[in-house]
Amino acid sequence: MSRRPLLLRTAAFLIVAAGALSACSDSRPAAPPAMAPLPVTVLDVQPQKVPTSIEVMAQTEGARETEVRARVGGILMKRLYQEGETVKAGQPLFQIDRAPYEIALADARARSDQAGREMKRLHGLIESKAISQKEYDDATSTNAIAQAALRQAELNLAWTTVTAPVAGTTGRAVKSEGNLISAGGDGLLTSIYQLNPIWVRFSLGESDLARFAGGRISEREVTGVELLLANGSVYTGQGKLNFLASTIDTTLGTQALRAEFANADKQLLPGQFVRVRLLTGERDGVFLVPQSAVLQSEQGALVMLAGADNKVAPRPVQTGEWRGRDWVILGGLQAGDKVIVDNLMKLRPGAPVAPHSPAPPGAPAATPARQG
């Protein structure tokens, strides 16, 4: 075979193979399109002045909590009030069986009358020297004892109607009709709470006290007292301190305090757990960022910023206390930083975003852009 036909066949094979490789290369899938920027809401933060404060757990209590106790024993016949209602001072609350005390009063009255008649009889005799002075003195003492017993019997009968010692809101009845009541340690029937004003009791621990000179707080360092309810709202009207312990509890290392709040509408009830915010001054040049925008990592707190190139930039921050629904940011931010406040779980450092400002209050929520 000549070399020329062989060379021609080899060249033709190489051309066909090259075409096949080119066809295979052209059949590869195209690269995916670049990911669209994620729409996010940003908050353009600016430094501001906020009150400095300390928040601690607290519990409410009545300004006056009075126990209602029986002064005489007997069978409890009737409860004369509706549990939980407001009563006036002197209003009847319970009725104890009167019969034994009516009998005792009748007996005391008879003895008193007898002793009085005997003293009058002897009075005429002592003037005529018909009896000794001792006999008359004994009769006088017997009459005085009988009069005292009569007075005690009258009081015992009156005490069978148990009345409210003070005005206020009644509690649950401890004893029911038919129970035997003892006049003593077992004589508690109910309690009455005065709810306006209401007191709030709390303590400051060592870490809170360390902010103040000498490790103790004084009244001049407290500019106001606020109350935070369980739903996070701030109670209407500021309170005032009405007690501040002069010593530190050596067991717990705490300083006890108590505040007073107006409670005309009885929104607060004794025993509620609330939070107290002590206002202790002002701090300037700090930032307020929604709590939901502050993330916690192993390195500490951080926020996500929308940078100048609209790309996600994590920023470590130094947090202070809560202020309502916001964190007080003490360091790490600068005026004009754009803090991302939503879609945080979808963000990645360096990812592109499409930032927009929050909608004004009352405006309808914008429909989020659909991701391709």
Protein backbone atom coordinates (compact mmCIF):
# COMPACT_ATOMS: atom_id res chain seq x y z
CA MET A 1 0.00 0.00 0.00
CA SER A 2 1.31 3.44 -0.87
CA ARG A 3 1.94 5.99 1.89
CA ARG A 4 -0.25 8.73 0.32
CA PRO A 5 -3.67 6.98 0.75
CA LEU A 6 -2.68 6.10 4.35
CA LEU A 7 -1.89 9.71 5.17
CA LEU A 8 -5.17 10.87 3.67
CA ARG A 9 -7.18 8.39 5.76
CA THR A 10 -5.35 9.42 8.95
CA ALA A 11 -6.01 13.12 8.31
CA ALA A 12 -9.68 12.43 7.67
CA PHE A 13 -9.95 10.51 10.98
CA LEU A 14 -8.37 13.31 12.93
CA ILE A 15 -10.78 15.85 11.41
CA VAL A 16 -13.79 13.70 12.33
CA ALA A 17 -12.50 13.18 15.89
CA ALA A 18 -11.92 16.88 16.31
CA GLY A 19 -15.46 17.58 15.16
CA ALA A 20 -16.84 15.04 17.62
CA LEU A 21 -14.90 16.59 20.49
CA SER A 22 -16.13 20.01 19.48
CA ALA A 23 -19.73 18.74 19.43
CA CYS A 24 -19.30 17.25 22.91
CA SER A 25 -17.88 20.52 24.21
CA ASP A 26 -20.79 22.52 22.78
CA SER A 27 -23.32 20.24 24.52
CA ARG A 28 -22.18 21.23 28.10
CA PRO A 29 -24.85 23.10 30.17
CA ALA A 30 -24.52 26.86 30.42
CA ALA A 31 -23.36 28.39 33.75
CA PRO A 32 -26.26 29.44 36.07
CA PRO A 33 -27.13 33.13 36.12
CA ALA A 34 -25.89 35.29 38.99
CA MET A 35 -28.16 35.24 42.10
CA ALA A 36 -30.48 38.24 42.37
CA PRO A 37 -29.87 40.59 45.33
CA LEU A 38 -31.97 39.69 48.40
CA PRO A 39 -34.41 42.48 49.37
CA VAL A 40 -33.82 43.52 52.99
CA THR A 41 -35.04 46.27 55.31
CA VAL A 42 -32.28 48.46 56.70
CA LEU A 43 -32.24 50.92 59.56
CA ASP A 44 -30.07 54.00 59.08
CA VAL A 45 -28.76 54.35 62.64
CA GLN A 46 -27.80 57.64 64.22
CA PRO A 47 -26.27 58.31 67.66
CA GLN A 48 -28.70 59.48 70.29
CA LYS A 49 -29.13 60.11 73.98
CA VAL A 50 -30.94 57.48 76.05
CA PRO A 51 -31.58 57.12 79.77
CA THR A 52 -29.31 54.71 81.60
CA SER A 53 -31.22 52.12 83.54
CA ILE A 54 -31.16 48.83 85.44
CA GLU A 55 -33.87 46.21 84.92
CA VAL A 56 -34.60 43.54 87.52
CA MET A 57 -37.40 41.12 88.34
CA ALA A 58 -39.88 42.30 90.95
CA GLN A 59 -43.14 41.31 92.61
CA THR A 60 -46.14 43.43 93.49
CA GLU A 61 -47.74 43.61 96.90
CA GLY A 62 -50.55 45.57 98.47
CA ALA A 63 -49.60 48.84 100.10
CA ARG A 64 -51.33 47.44 103.19
CA GLU A 65 -52.12 43.76 103.61
CA THR A 66 -54.32 43.21 106.66
CA GLU A 67 -55.30 39.85 108.10
CA VAL A 68 -58.90 39.47 109.23
CA ARG A 69 -59.05 37.25 112.32
CA ALA A 70 -61.78 36.12 114.66
CA ARG A 71 -61.60 37.50 118.21
CA VAL A 72 -63.97 34.85 119.60
CA GLY A 73 -64.39 31.18 118.82
CA GLY A 74 -67.45 29.33 117.61
CA ILE A 75 -69.18 27.90 114.56
CA LEU A 76 -68.92 30.05 111.44
CA MET A 77 -72.53 30.60 110.40
CA LYS A 78 -72.28 32.80 107.32
CA ARG A 79 -69.95 34.68 105.00
CA LEU A 80 -71.34 38.19 104.44
CA TYR A 81 -69.22 39.39 101.50
CA GLN A 82 -68.32 38.32 97.97
CA GLU A 83 -64.74 37.13 97.73
CA GLY A 84 -62.59 39.58 95.77
CA GLU A 85 -64.92 42.56 96.16
CA THR A 86 -63.96 45.94 97.58
CA VAL A 87 -65.19 46.55 101.12
CA LYS A 88 -65.31 49.53 103.44
CA ALA A 89 -63.80 49.74 106.90
CA GLY A 90 -66.28 48.33 109.44
CA GLN A 91 -68.27 46.35 106.84
CA PRO A 92 -69.47 42.93 108.20
CA LEU A 93 -67.60 40.01 106.63
CA PHE A 94 -68.43 36.90 108.71
CA GLN A 95 -71.01 35.86 111.27
CA ILE A 96 -70.07 33.49 114.10
CA ASP A 97 -72.80 31.70 116.09
CA ARG A 98 -74.25 34.27 118.52
CA ALA A 99 -76.27 31.97 120.77
CA PRO A 100 -73.56 31.05 123.32
CA TYR A 101 -72.53 34.67 123.66
CA GLU A 102 -76.11 35.88 124.06
CA ILE A 103 -76.50 33.43 126.95
CA ALA A 104 -73.19 34.55 128.47
CA LEU A 105 -74.30 38.18 128.18
CA ALA A 106 -77.60 37.47 129.91
CA ASP A 107 -75.75 35.72 132.74
CA ALA A 108 -73.26 38.58 133.09
CA ARG A 109 -76.05 41.14 133.08
CA ALA A 110 -77.90 39.27 135.86
CA ARG A 111 -74.76 39.04 137.99
CA SER A 112 -74.10 42.72 137.39
CA ASP A 113 -77.60 43.68 138.49
CA GLN A 114 -77.30 41.50 141.59
CA ALA A 115 -73.94 42.98 142.53
CA GLY A 116 -75.27 46.50 142.01
CA ARG A 117 -78.30 45.89 144.25
CA GLU A 118 -76.13 44.37 146.98
CA MET A 119 -73.77 47.34 146.95
CA LYS A 120 -76.70 49.77 147.21
CA ARG A 121 -78.14 47.80 150.14
CA LEU A 122 -74.87 47.79 152.02
CA HIS A 123 -74.35 51.47 151.29
CA GLY A 124 -77.26 52.34 153.62
CA LEU A 125 -75.95 50.00 156.29
CA ILE A 126 -72.43 51.35 156.23
CA GLU A 127 -73.75 54.86 156.86
CA SER A 128 -75.51 53.64 159.99
CA LYS A 129 -72.44 51.68 161.08
CA ALA A 130 -74.48 48.45 160.93
CA ILE A 131 -71.78 46.63 158.95
CA SER A 132 -68.03 46.78 158.84
CA GLN A 133 -66.11 48.75 156.26
CA LYS A 134 -64.62 45.51 154.91
CA GLU A 135 -68.05 44.10 154.07
CA TYR A 136 -68.92 47.20 152.10
CA ASP A 137 -65.55 47.26 150.32
CA ASP A 138 -65.99 43.62 149.31
CA ALA A 139 -69.43 44.38 147.89
CA THR A 140 -68.00 47.32 145.95
CA SER A 141 -65.27 45.12 144.45
CA THR A 142 -67.78 42.41 143.57
CA ASN A 143 -69.90 44.98 141.75
CA ALA A 144 -66.89 46.30 139.82
CA ILE A 145 -65.95 42.76 138.77
CA ALA A 146 -69.49 42.08 137.67
CA GLN A 147 -69.57 45.29 135.61
CA ALA A 148 -66.27 44.33 133.91
CA ALA A 149 -67.61 40.85 133.13
CA LEU A 150 -70.74 42.45 131.66
CA ARG A 151 -68.61 44.67 129.42
CA GLN A 152 -66.56 41.68 128.28
CA ALA A 153 -69.71 39.70 127.49
CA GLU A 154 -71.02 42.62 125.42
CA LEU A 155 -67.75 42.79 123.47
CA ASN A 156 -67.72 39.03 122.87
CA LEU A 157 -71.22 39.17 121.45
CA ALA A 158 -70.29 42.13 119.21
CA TRP A 159 -67.18 40.27 118.01
CA THR A 160 -69.27 37.41 116.68
CA THR A 161 -69.83 39.74 113.69
CA VAL A 162 -66.36 39.97 112.12
CA THR A 163 -65.92 43.31 110.34
CA ALA A 164 -63.30 44.71 107.97
CA PRO A 165 -60.58 46.52 109.94
CA VAL A 166 -59.59 48.61 106.87
CA ALA A 167 -61.00 49.40 103.44
CA GLY A 168 -59.62 47.46 100.49
CA THR A 169 -60.02 44.43 98.25
CA THR A 170 -60.87 41.17 99.96
CA GLY A 171 -59.11 37.89 99.38
CA ARG A 172 -60.27 34.29 99.42
CA ALA A 173 -62.13 33.13 102.52
CA VAL A 174 -59.90 30.75 104.48
CA LYS A 175 -62.80 29.20 106.44
CA SER A 176 -66.16 27.97 105.18
CA GLU A 177 -69.60 27.95 106.79
CA GLY A 178 -69.86 25.26 109.45
CA ASN A 179 -66.17 25.36 110.41
CA LEU A 180 -65.24 25.69 114.06
CA ILE A 181 -63.32 28.93 114.52
CA SER A 182 -60.73 29.35 117.26
CA ALA A 183 -59.81 32.73 118.67
CA GLY A 184 -56.05 32.54 118.27
CA GLY A 185 -53.53 31.25 115.77
CA ASP A 186 -56.25 29.40 113.82
CA GLY A 187 -58.56 32.40 113.66
CA LEU A 188 -57.48 33.71 110.23
CA LEU A 189 -60.58 34.19 108.05
CA THR A 190 -59.34 36.23 105.07
CA SER A 191 -57.07 39.14 104.14
CA ILE A 192 -57.72 42.64 102.81
CA TYR A 193 -55.37 44.31 100.35
CA GLN A 194 -55.11 48.01 99.66
CA LEU A 195 -54.28 48.22 95.94
CA ASN A 196 -53.99 51.96 95.36
CA PRO A 197 -51.18 52.71 95.59
CA ILE A 198 -49.51 49.36 95.02
CA TRP A 199 -45.99 48.49 96.07
CA VAL A 200 -43.35 46.66 94.04
CA ARG A 201 -40.60 44.84 95.91
CA PHE A 202 -37.22 43.97 94.36
CA SER A 203 -33.47 43.70 95.04
CA LEU A 204 -30.27 44.66 93.25
CA GLY A 205 -27.48 42.10 92.98
CA GLU A 206 -23.73 42.60 93.18
CA SER A 207 -23.26 43.13 89.44
CA ASP A 208 -25.86 45.93 89.44
CA LEU A 209 -24.55 47.52 92.62
CA ALA A 210 -21.01 47.54 91.20
CA ARG A 211 -22.07 50.43 88.91
CA PHE A 212 -22.40 52.72 91.91
CA ALA A 213 -19.84 54.20 94.24
CA GLY A 214 -19.28 52.05 97.31
CA GLY A 215 -21.31 49.18 95.85
CA ARG A 216 -24.58 50.70 97.05
CA ILE A 217 -27.33 52.71 95.39
CA SER A 218 -28.81 55.84 96.97
CA GLU A 219 -32.03 57.72 96.27
CA ARG A 220 -30.21 60.66 94.65
CA GLU A 221 -28.88 58.30 91.96
CA VAL A 222 -32.39 57.22 90.89
CA THR A 223 -34.11 59.71 88.59
CA GLY A 224 -37.23 57.61 87.98
CA VAL A 225 -38.82 54.18 88.27
CA GLU A 226 -40.68 52.42 85.44
CA LEU A 227 -42.65 49.19 85.47
CA LEU A 228 -42.60 46.68 82.61
CA LEU A 229 -45.56 44.30 82.37
CA ALA A 230 -45.48 40.67 81.27
CA ASN A 231 -46.41 41.58 77.68
CA GLY A 232 -43.42 43.92 77.41
CA SER A 233 -45.41 47.16 77.61
CA VAL A 234 -44.46 49.95 80.00
CA TYR A 235 -46.97 50.63 82.78
CA THR A 236 -48.61 54.04 82.59
CA GLY A 237 -47.12 56.51 85.02
CA GLN A 238 -43.77 56.49 86.77
CA GLY A 239 -43.31 55.30 90.32
CA LYS A 240 -41.12 56.44 93.17
CA LEU A 241 -38.91 54.69 95.67
CA ASN A 242 -40.46 54.51 99.12
CA PHE A 243 -37.94 52.15 100.74
CA LEU A 244 -34.24 51.57 100.25
CA ALA A 245 -32.40 49.24 102.62
CA SER A 246 -29.47 50.83 104.43
CA THR A 247 -27.58 47.52 104.58
CA ILE A 248 -26.56 44.73 102.19
CA ASP A 249 -28.01 41.26 102.77
CA THR A 250 -24.96 39.27 103.83
CA THR A 251 -26.44 35.98 102.64
CA LEU A 252 -27.53 37.03 99.14
CA GLY A 253 -25.30 40.07 98.63
CA THR A 254 -28.30 42.16 97.56
CA GLN A 255 -29.80 45.51 98.51
CA ALA A 256 -33.58 45.54 98.99
CA LEU A 257 -35.72 48.30 97.48
CA ARG A 258 -39.42 49.04 97.11
CA ALA A 259 -41.27 51.35 94.74
CA GLU A 260 -44.79 52.76 94.81
CA PHE A 261 -47.11 53.13 91.80
CA ALA A 262 -50.59 54.61 91.43
CA ASN A 263 -53.12 51.85 90.70
CA ALA A 264 -56.52 53.54 90.59
CA ASP A 265 -57.87 51.19 87.90
CA LYS A 266 -56.54 48.11 89.75
CA GLN A 267 -54.59 46.95 86.71
CA LEU A 268 -51.94 45.57 89.05
CA LEU A 269 -52.75 42.88 91.60
CA PRO A 270 -50.66 41.66 94.54
CA GLY A 271 -48.33 38.79 93.73
CA GLN A 272 -47.71 39.65 90.05
CA PHE A 273 -44.20 39.16 88.68
CA VAL A 274 -43.08 42.22 86.74
CA ARG A 275 -39.84 43.97 85.79
CA VAL A 276 -38.70 47.22 87.34
CA ARG A 277 -36.54 49.67 85.43
CA LEU A 278 -34.53 52.08 87.56
CA LEU A 279 -33.56 55.20 85.62
CA THR A 280 -30.10 56.26 86.75
CA GLY A 281 -29.13 59.06 84.36
CA GLU A 282 -28.43 59.50 80.64
CA ARG A 283 -25.91 58.12 78.15
CA ASP A 284 -25.06 60.09 74.98
CA GLY A 285 -23.72 58.86 71.64
CA VAL A 286 -25.25 55.36 71.67
CA PHE A 287 -27.41 53.59 69.09
CA LEU A 288 -30.74 51.78 69.36
CA VAL A 289 -31.09 48.61 67.30
CA PRO A 290 -34.05 46.20 67.34
CA GLN A 291 -33.35 43.15 69.47
CA SER A 292 -34.15 40.87 66.54
CA ALA A 293 -31.33 42.45 64.49
CA VAL A 294 -28.61 41.56 67.02
CA LEU A 295 -27.14 38.09 66.50
CA GLN A 296 -25.16 36.11 69.04
CA SER A 297 -22.03 34.23 67.93
CA GLU A 298 -19.11 32.55 69.65
CA GLN A 299 -17.19 35.82 69.33
CA GLY A 300 -20.04 37.87 70.82
CA ALA A 301 -22.86 40.04 69.53
CA LEU A 302 -22.89 41.24 65.93
CA VAL A 303 -25.18 42.92 63.40
CA MET A 304 -25.39 42.60 59.63
CA LEU A 305 -24.79 45.79 57.64
CA ALA A 306 -25.58 46.67 54.05
CA GLY A 307 -22.23 48.07 52.86
CA ALA A 308 -21.61 50.81 50.34
CA ASP A 309 -21.56 48.20 47.58
CA ASN A 310 -24.86 46.72 48.86
CA LYS A 311 -23.16 43.58 50.11
CA VAL A 312 -23.60 41.97 53.51
CA ALA A 313 -20.92 42.97 56.04
CA PRO A 314 -20.99 41.48 59.58
CA ARG A 315 -20.05 43.97 62.31
CA PRO A 316 -19.24 43.01 65.95
CA VAL A 317 -20.95 45.33 68.45
CA GLN A 318 -20.87 46.01 72.17
CA THR A 319 -24.33 45.76 73.69
CA GLY A 320 -25.64 47.49 76.78
CA GLU A 321 -29.08 47.05 78.32
CA TRP A 322 -32.47 46.63 76.68
CA ARG A 323 -34.53 49.71 76.03
CA GLY A 324 -38.07 48.61 75.23
CA ARG A 325 -37.76 46.36 72.16
CA ASP A 326 -34.28 47.65 71.30
CA TRP A 327 -30.72 46.88 72.29
CA VAL A 328 -28.60 49.81 73.40
CA ILE A 329 -25.41 49.53 71.32
CA LEU A 330 -22.43 51.06 73.12
CA GLY A 331 -19.79 50.45 70.46
CA GLY A 332 -19.15 49.03 67.02
CA LEU A 333 -21.48 51.25 64.97
CA GLN A 334 -21.04 54.61 63.29
CA ALA A 335 -23.53 57.27 62.23
CA GLY A 336 -25.17 56.32 58.95
CA ASP A 337 -24.51 52.57 59.15
CA LYS A 338 -27.31 50.60 57.54
CA VAL A 339 -28.29 47.78 59.89
CA ILE A 340 -30.25 44.95 58.28
CA VAL A 341 -33.29 44.09 60.40
CA ASP A 342 -34.99 41.24 58.49
CA ASN A 343 -34.22 38.14 56.38
CA LEU A 344 -31.22 37.57 58.65
CA MET A 345 -31.32 33.78 58.32
CA LYS A 346 -30.85 34.07 54.55
CA LEU A 347 -27.84 36.37 54.68
CA ARG A 348 -24.27 35.37 53.97
CA PRO A 349 -21.22 37.64 54.29
CA GLY A 350 -20.51 39.29 50.95
CA ALA A 351 -23.90 38.35 49.44
CA PRO A 352 -25.61 41.09 47.42
CA VAL A 353 -28.72 42.71 48.90
CA ALA A 354 -31.33 45.23 47.79
CA PRO A 355 -31.80 47.48 50.86
CA HIS A 356 -34.88 49.59 51.48
CA SER A 357 -36.02 51.70 54.42
CA PRO A 358 -38.76 50.54 56.82
CA ALA A 359 -42.32 51.43 55.88
CA PRO A 360 -43.70 54.36 57.91
CA PRO A 361 -46.13 53.46 60.72
CA GLY A 362 -49.61 52.72 59.38
CA ALA A 363 -48.45 52.12 55.82
CA PRO A 364 -49.44 48.79 54.21
CA ALA A 365 -46.68 46.20 54.21
CA ALA A 366 -44.85 45.89 50.90
CA THR A 367 -45.07 42.58 49.06
CA PRO A 368 -41.61 40.95 49.17
CA ALA A 369 -39.88 40.50 45.83
CA ARG A 370 -40.12 36.99 44.48
CA GLN A 371 -36.83 35.17 44.27
CA GLY A 372 -35.92 33.53 40.92
